[in-house]
Amino acid sequence: MRPELVTAYLTRIGADRPARPDAGSLRDLQVRHAMTVPFENLDVHLGEPVVLDADALVDKVVTRRRGGFCYELNAAFGHLLAALGFPVSLHGAAVYAEDGVAGPPLAHMALRVDLEEPWLVDVGFGRGFALHPLRLDARGDQPDREGVFRLVELDDGDVLVTCDGVPKYRLESRARPLTDFEPTCWWTQTSSRSRFTQSLVCSILTEDGRTTLSGRHLVRTVDGRREQRTLTGDAEILDAYATHFGIALDQVPDQRYGTSVSW
C-alpha cells in the first residue's frame, strides 16, 4: 500500500501510526476501525458489485468513506496491518446459525495476526463479536465489552469461537489468498438465500452501544437501553446514513429481497 494511502487510512479511523507492530497498537487499531467504519451491505441493494481487490476495497473505505461486510472490511484492514508491519493472514470461517448449525466454509473471513502470540482480529462480523482482538492460543474465558469469548481447538486444528457459550464461527487453521473468497462473496451478493440479499443493514459500534439502520428502522442501543423508530421518507433515511454512519448517498438502497431483519 502506498505510504500516502496508509496515512489516509489511519486518518480515516482516527489513529496515529503505531511506533511498532505490537499487541497494544493492534488493539487500538481494531477498536478505532470498529467505531469509525460501519458494517454494511448497501452495495448489494444499490446494484454495485463487490470486487475482491485489496486496493479497491481500501479505496472504498478510505476515499469513498464507506463500510462493507466481512470480506471487504477484513481484507482492507488486513491490507493496512500488513503495510504497518503486522504479520497478517486471511482465514475462512463457517458461521453458526441461531439453530446451532454451521454454515458453509468461507462464508466468513477473519484475520490472524502473529506477534509474540497469535491473535484473532475481526472487524467484519457485525453485531455480537468482540470489540478487541482475541488470543488464539488462549483456551480460557476472554471477557470483552461484547460478551465473554472462548476459543476451543478442534481435532482437525480449526478453532471454535464462542460468545457467552453460543458458537459464533469455526475458524480454519489454514491461511487463504483473497481469491479463495470470490465464490462465496459472489453468492453472498446474488443468491436470494443469502441473508445479505434478504436484508438491508448499516451498523456501527459507538462508545456506549451500537447504532443500526435496518431498512427503514433506526435502532440505537445506549448503555443497554434499546430505542427504535421508523423513518418516514427517503430524505430522512439519507440523512440518517450521513449523520450516524458518515455515508453520503444519492439514492436510498432498494431492498430487493425479503424484509428487514435484526442484526
Protein backbone atom coordinates (compact mmCIF):
# COMPACT_ATOMS: atom_id res chain seq x y z
CA MET A 1 0.00 0.00 0.00
CA ARG A 2 1.32 3.43 -0.92
CA PRO A 3 2.58 5.47 2.06
CA GLU A 4 0.10 8.29 1.43
CA LEU A 5 -2.78 5.79 1.40
CA VAL A 6 -1.59 4.30 4.71
CA THR A 7 -1.65 7.80 6.18
CA ALA A 8 -5.12 8.45 4.74
CA TYR A 9 -6.41 5.14 6.16
CA LEU A 10 -5.07 5.97 9.62
CA THR A 11 -6.70 9.40 9.39
CA ARG A 12 -9.97 7.75 8.35
CA ILE A 13 -10.06 5.71 11.57
CA GLY A 14 -8.58 8.43 13.78
CA ALA A 15 -5.40 6.53 14.59
CA ASP A 16 -1.75 7.50 14.82
CA ARG A 17 0.88 5.43 13.07
CA PRO A 18 1.99 2.85 15.65
CA ALA A 19 5.60 3.03 16.78
CA ARG A 20 5.86 -0.74 16.43
CA PRO A 21 3.56 -3.65 15.50
CA ASP A 22 2.66 -4.91 18.96
CA ALA A 23 -0.44 -6.12 20.80
CA GLY A 24 -1.28 -2.72 22.24
CA SER A 25 -1.26 -0.95 18.88
CA LEU A 26 -3.21 -3.83 17.30
CA ARG A 27 -5.90 -3.47 19.94
CA ASP A 28 -6.10 0.30 19.42
CA LEU A 29 -6.35 -0.04 15.63
CA GLN A 30 -9.12 -2.63 15.83
CA VAL A 31 -11.20 -0.57 18.26
CA ARG A 32 -10.83 2.59 16.17
CA HIS A 33 -11.73 0.72 12.98
CA ALA A 34 -14.83 -0.83 14.54
CA MET A 35 -16.05 2.57 15.74
CA THR A 36 -15.48 4.51 12.52
CA VAL A 37 -16.07 2.08 9.63
CA PRO A 38 -19.60 0.63 9.54
CA PHE A 39 -20.62 -2.92 8.81
CA GLU A 40 -22.98 -2.55 5.84
CA ASN A 41 -24.29 -4.29 2.75
CA LEU A 42 -25.62 -1.25 0.89
CA ASP A 43 -23.88 -2.05 -2.40
CA VAL A 44 -25.87 -5.29 -2.65
CA HIS A 45 -29.04 -3.16 -2.77
CA LEU A 46 -27.55 -0.38 -4.87
CA GLY A 47 -26.71 -2.82 -7.65
CA GLU A 48 -22.96 -2.23 -7.27
CA PRO A 49 -20.89 -5.45 -7.36
CA VAL A 50 -18.29 -6.02 -4.66
CA VAL A 51 -14.96 -6.96 -6.23
CA LEU A 52 -12.35 -8.58 -4.02
CA ASP A 53 -9.37 -6.45 -4.93
CA ALA A 54 -7.39 -5.16 -1.95
CA ASP A 55 -6.68 -1.73 -3.43
CA ALA A 56 -10.31 -1.25 -4.47
CA LEU A 57 -11.54 -2.25 -1.03
CA VAL A 58 -9.17 0.19 0.67
CA ASP A 59 -10.34 2.91 -1.72
CA LYS A 60 -13.95 2.18 -0.76
CA VAL A 61 -13.20 2.51 2.95
CA VAL A 62 -10.78 5.43 2.77
CA THR A 63 -11.67 7.56 -0.26
CA ARG A 64 -15.39 6.81 -0.56
CA ARG A 65 -15.75 6.67 3.25
CA ARG A 66 -17.94 3.60 3.12
CA GLY A 67 -18.02 0.37 5.09
CA GLY A 68 -18.71 -3.17 3.92
CA PHE A 69 -19.21 -6.74 5.05
CA CYS A 70 -16.65 -9.29 6.21
CA TYR A 71 -14.68 -9.84 3.00
CA GLU A 72 -14.39 -6.11 2.41
CA LEU A 73 -13.66 -4.89 5.92
CA ASN A 74 -11.24 -7.59 7.00
CA ALA A 75 -9.42 -7.62 3.64
CA ALA A 76 -8.98 -3.83 3.75
CA PHE A 77 -7.95 -3.81 7.41
CA GLY A 78 -5.55 -6.69 6.80
CA HIS A 79 -4.01 -4.71 3.94
CA LEU A 80 -3.45 -1.79 6.32
CA LEU A 81 -1.99 -4.01 9.05
CA ALA A 82 0.44 -5.60 6.60
CA ALA A 83 1.57 -2.15 5.45
CA LEU A 84 2.23 -1.25 9.10
CA GLY A 85 4.42 -4.31 9.61
CA PHE A 86 1.96 -6.71 11.25
CA PRO A 87 2.32 -10.36 10.15
CA VAL A 88 -1.26 -10.96 9.00
CA SER A 89 -3.06 -13.75 7.14
CA LEU A 90 -6.62 -14.30 5.89
CA HIS A 91 -8.66 -17.21 7.24
CA GLY A 92 -12.03 -18.62 6.29
CA ALA A 93 -14.76 -19.46 8.77
CA ALA A 94 -18.10 -21.27 8.87
CA VAL A 95 -20.71 -19.20 10.71
CA TYR A 96 -23.21 -20.84 13.07
CA ALA A 97 -26.88 -20.08 12.61
CA GLU A 98 -29.23 -19.47 15.54
CA ASP A 99 -30.20 -23.17 15.47
CA GLY A 100 -26.57 -24.10 16.17
CA VAL A 101 -25.85 -25.50 12.70
CA ALA A 102 -22.66 -24.38 10.99
CA GLY A 103 -22.92 -22.88 7.53
CA PRO A 104 -20.58 -23.46 4.57
CA PRO A 105 -16.84 -22.85 4.82
CA LEU A 106 -15.50 -19.49 3.65
CA ALA A 107 -18.85 -17.84 4.37
CA HIS A 108 -16.87 -15.51 6.61
CA MET A 109 -13.36 -14.08 6.58
CA ALA A 110 -11.28 -13.20 9.64
CA LEU A 111 -7.65 -12.27 10.26
CA ARG A 112 -4.81 -13.91 12.14
CA VAL A 113 -2.01 -11.65 13.34
CA ASP A 114 1.15 -13.36 14.61
CA LEU A 115 3.06 -11.26 17.12
CA GLU A 116 4.77 -12.76 20.17
CA GLU A 117 1.43 -14.52 20.47
CA PRO A 118 -1.22 -15.23 17.80
CA TRP A 119 -4.34 -13.02 17.68
CA LEU A 120 -7.75 -13.34 16.08
CA VAL A 121 -8.74 -9.98 14.58
CA ASP A 122 -12.20 -9.38 13.12
CA VAL A 123 -13.75 -6.03 12.16
CA GLY A 124 -16.26 -7.57 9.75
CA PHE A 125 -18.66 -9.77 11.70
CA GLY A 126 -21.19 -7.16 12.74
CA ARG A 127 -23.21 -7.33 15.93
CA GLY A 128 -22.19 -9.88 18.53
CA PHE A 129 -18.44 -10.14 18.07
CA ALA A 130 -15.51 -8.98 20.14
CA LEU A 131 -14.50 -5.35 20.10
CA HIS A 132 -10.90 -6.30 20.90
CA PRO A 133 -8.54 -8.89 19.38
CA LEU A 134 -8.77 -12.37 20.91
CA ARG A 135 -5.79 -14.54 21.85
CA LEU A 136 -5.82 -17.51 19.51
CA ASP A 137 -3.69 -19.62 21.82
CA ALA A 138 -5.75 -18.95 24.98
CA ARG A 139 -8.38 -21.52 25.99
CA GLY A 140 -9.96 -19.77 28.97
CA ASP A 141 -12.55 -17.01 29.14
CA GLN A 142 -11.70 -13.77 27.34
CA PRO A 143 -14.04 -11.04 28.67
CA ASP A 144 -14.89 -8.28 26.22
CA ARG A 145 -17.40 -5.43 26.10
CA GLU A 146 -19.49 -7.53 23.71
CA GLY A 147 -19.51 -10.68 25.90
CA VAL A 148 -17.28 -13.43 27.25
CA PHE A 149 -15.44 -15.21 24.45
CA ARG A 150 -13.81 -18.61 24.49
CA LEU A 151 -11.76 -20.31 21.78
CA VAL A 152 -11.75 -24.09 21.60
CA GLU A 153 -9.27 -26.02 19.45
CA LEU A 154 -10.92 -28.80 17.48
CA ASP A 155 -9.44 -32.15 16.47
CA ASP A 156 -8.63 -31.02 12.92
CA GLY A 157 -6.82 -27.88 14.12
CA ASP A 158 -9.69 -25.49 13.45
CA VAL A 159 -10.84 -23.21 16.28
CA LEU A 160 -14.40 -22.86 17.54
CA VAL A 161 -15.16 -19.30 18.65
CA THR A 162 -17.99 -18.87 21.19
CA CYS A 163 -19.52 -15.86 22.94
CA ASP A 164 -21.37 -16.36 26.22
CA GLY A 165 -21.43 -20.07 25.43
CA VAL A 166 -23.01 -19.63 21.99
CA PRO A 167 -20.94 -20.74 18.96
CA LYS A 168 -20.16 -17.89 16.57
CA TYR A 169 -17.95 -19.49 13.95
CA ARG A 170 -15.46 -22.22 13.19
CA LEU A 171 -12.16 -20.67 12.09
CA GLU A 172 -9.93 -22.53 9.65
CA SER A 173 -6.31 -23.05 10.67
CA ARG A 174 -5.00 -22.68 7.11
CA ALA A 175 -4.33 -19.28 5.58
CA ARG A 176 -6.13 -18.36 2.35
CA PRO A 177 -5.43 -15.95 -0.51
CA LEU A 178 -8.08 -13.31 -1.12
CA THR A 179 -9.12 -15.01 -4.37
CA ASP A 180 -10.36 -18.08 -2.44
CA PHE A 181 -13.24 -15.98 -1.11
CA GLU A 182 -14.51 -14.83 -4.52
CA PRO A 183 -17.14 -17.63 -5.00
CA THR A 184 -18.77 -17.08 -1.60
CA CYS A 185 -18.54 -13.31 -1.97
CA TRP A 186 -20.41 -13.60 -5.29
CA TRP A 187 -23.03 -15.93 -3.73
CA THR A 188 -23.47 -13.53 -0.82
CA GLN A 189 -24.33 -10.68 -3.22
CA THR A 190 -26.55 -12.60 -5.63
CA SER A 191 -28.40 -15.52 -4.04
CA SER A 192 -31.95 -14.98 -2.82
CA ARG A 193 -31.00 -17.37 0.03
CA SER A 194 -28.24 -15.07 1.27
CA ARG A 195 -29.00 -13.00 4.36
CA PHE A 196 -27.29 -10.09 2.62
CA THR A 197 -29.88 -10.02 -0.16
CA GLN A 198 -32.71 -10.68 2.29
CA SER A 199 -31.81 -7.74 4.50
CA LEU A 200 -30.53 -4.19 4.25
CA VAL A 201 -28.28 -3.15 7.11
CA CYS A 202 -25.80 -0.49 8.20
CA SER A 203 -24.42 -0.81 11.73
CA ILE A 204 -21.62 0.69 13.78
CA LEU A 205 -20.29 0.42 17.31
CA THR A 206 -20.38 3.56 19.46
CA GLU A 207 -18.70 4.46 22.74
CA ASP A 208 -21.82 3.48 24.68
CA GLY A 209 -23.51 0.93 22.43
CA ARG A 210 -24.40 0.49 18.78
CA THR A 211 -26.41 2.25 16.07
CA THR A 212 -28.09 0.23 13.30
CA LEU A 213 -30.24 1.22 10.33
CA SER A 214 -32.06 -1.89 9.08
CA GLY A 215 -34.24 -0.98 6.14
CA ARG A 216 -36.26 1.97 7.49
CA HIS A 217 -35.80 1.03 11.14
CA LEU A 218 -33.21 3.02 13.10
CA VAL A 219 -32.13 1.26 16.29
CA ARG A 220 -29.87 2.88 18.87
CA THR A 221 -28.59 0.95 21.87
CA VAL A 222 -27.16 3.14 24.63
CA ASP A 223 -25.84 1.57 27.84
CA GLY A 224 -28.01 -1.46 27.22
CA ARG A 225 -31.21 0.52 26.52
CA ARG A 226 -32.68 -0.07 23.06
CA GLU A 227 -34.57 2.66 21.22
CA GLN A 228 -36.18 2.11 17.81
CA ARG A 229 -38.03 4.35 15.41
CA THR A 230 -39.24 4.00 11.84
CA LEU A 231 -38.01 6.59 9.35
CA THR A 232 -40.76 8.00 7.20
CA GLY A 233 -39.22 9.12 3.92
CA ASP A 234 -36.20 8.93 1.65
CA ALA A 235 -34.81 12.27 2.82
CA GLU A 236 -34.87 11.13 6.44
CA ILE A 237 -33.19 7.84 5.53
CA LEU A 238 -30.41 9.54 3.57
CA ASP A 239 -29.88 11.96 6.44
CA ALA A 240 -29.61 9.03 8.89
CA TYR A 241 -26.90 7.38 6.76
CA ALA A 242 -24.95 10.64 6.73
CA THR A 243 -25.49 11.56 10.39
CA HIS A 244 -24.91 8.20 12.07
CA PHE A 245 -22.53 6.46 9.67
CA GLY A 246 -20.84 9.22 7.68
CA ILE A 247 -22.16 7.74 4.42
CA ALA A 248 -23.33 10.14 1.71
CA LEU A 249 -25.70 8.51 -0.79
CA ASP A 250 -27.53 9.91 -3.80
CA GLN A 251 -30.36 7.40 -3.51
CA VAL A 252 -31.91 5.10 -0.95
CA PRO A 253 -30.78 1.46 -1.41
CA ASP A 254 -33.52 -0.75 -2.85
CA GLN A 255 -34.16 -3.80 -0.73
CA ARG A 256 -34.85 -6.31 -3.45
CA TYR A 257 -35.44 -9.47 -1.45
CA GLY A 258 -37.34 -10.29 1.72
CA THR A 259 -37.80 -7.96 4.68
CA SER A 260 -35.58 -6.26 7.23
CA VAL A 261 -34.04 -8.44 9.91
CA SER A 262 -32.38 -7.65 13.22
CA TRP A 263 -28.57 -7.51 13.32
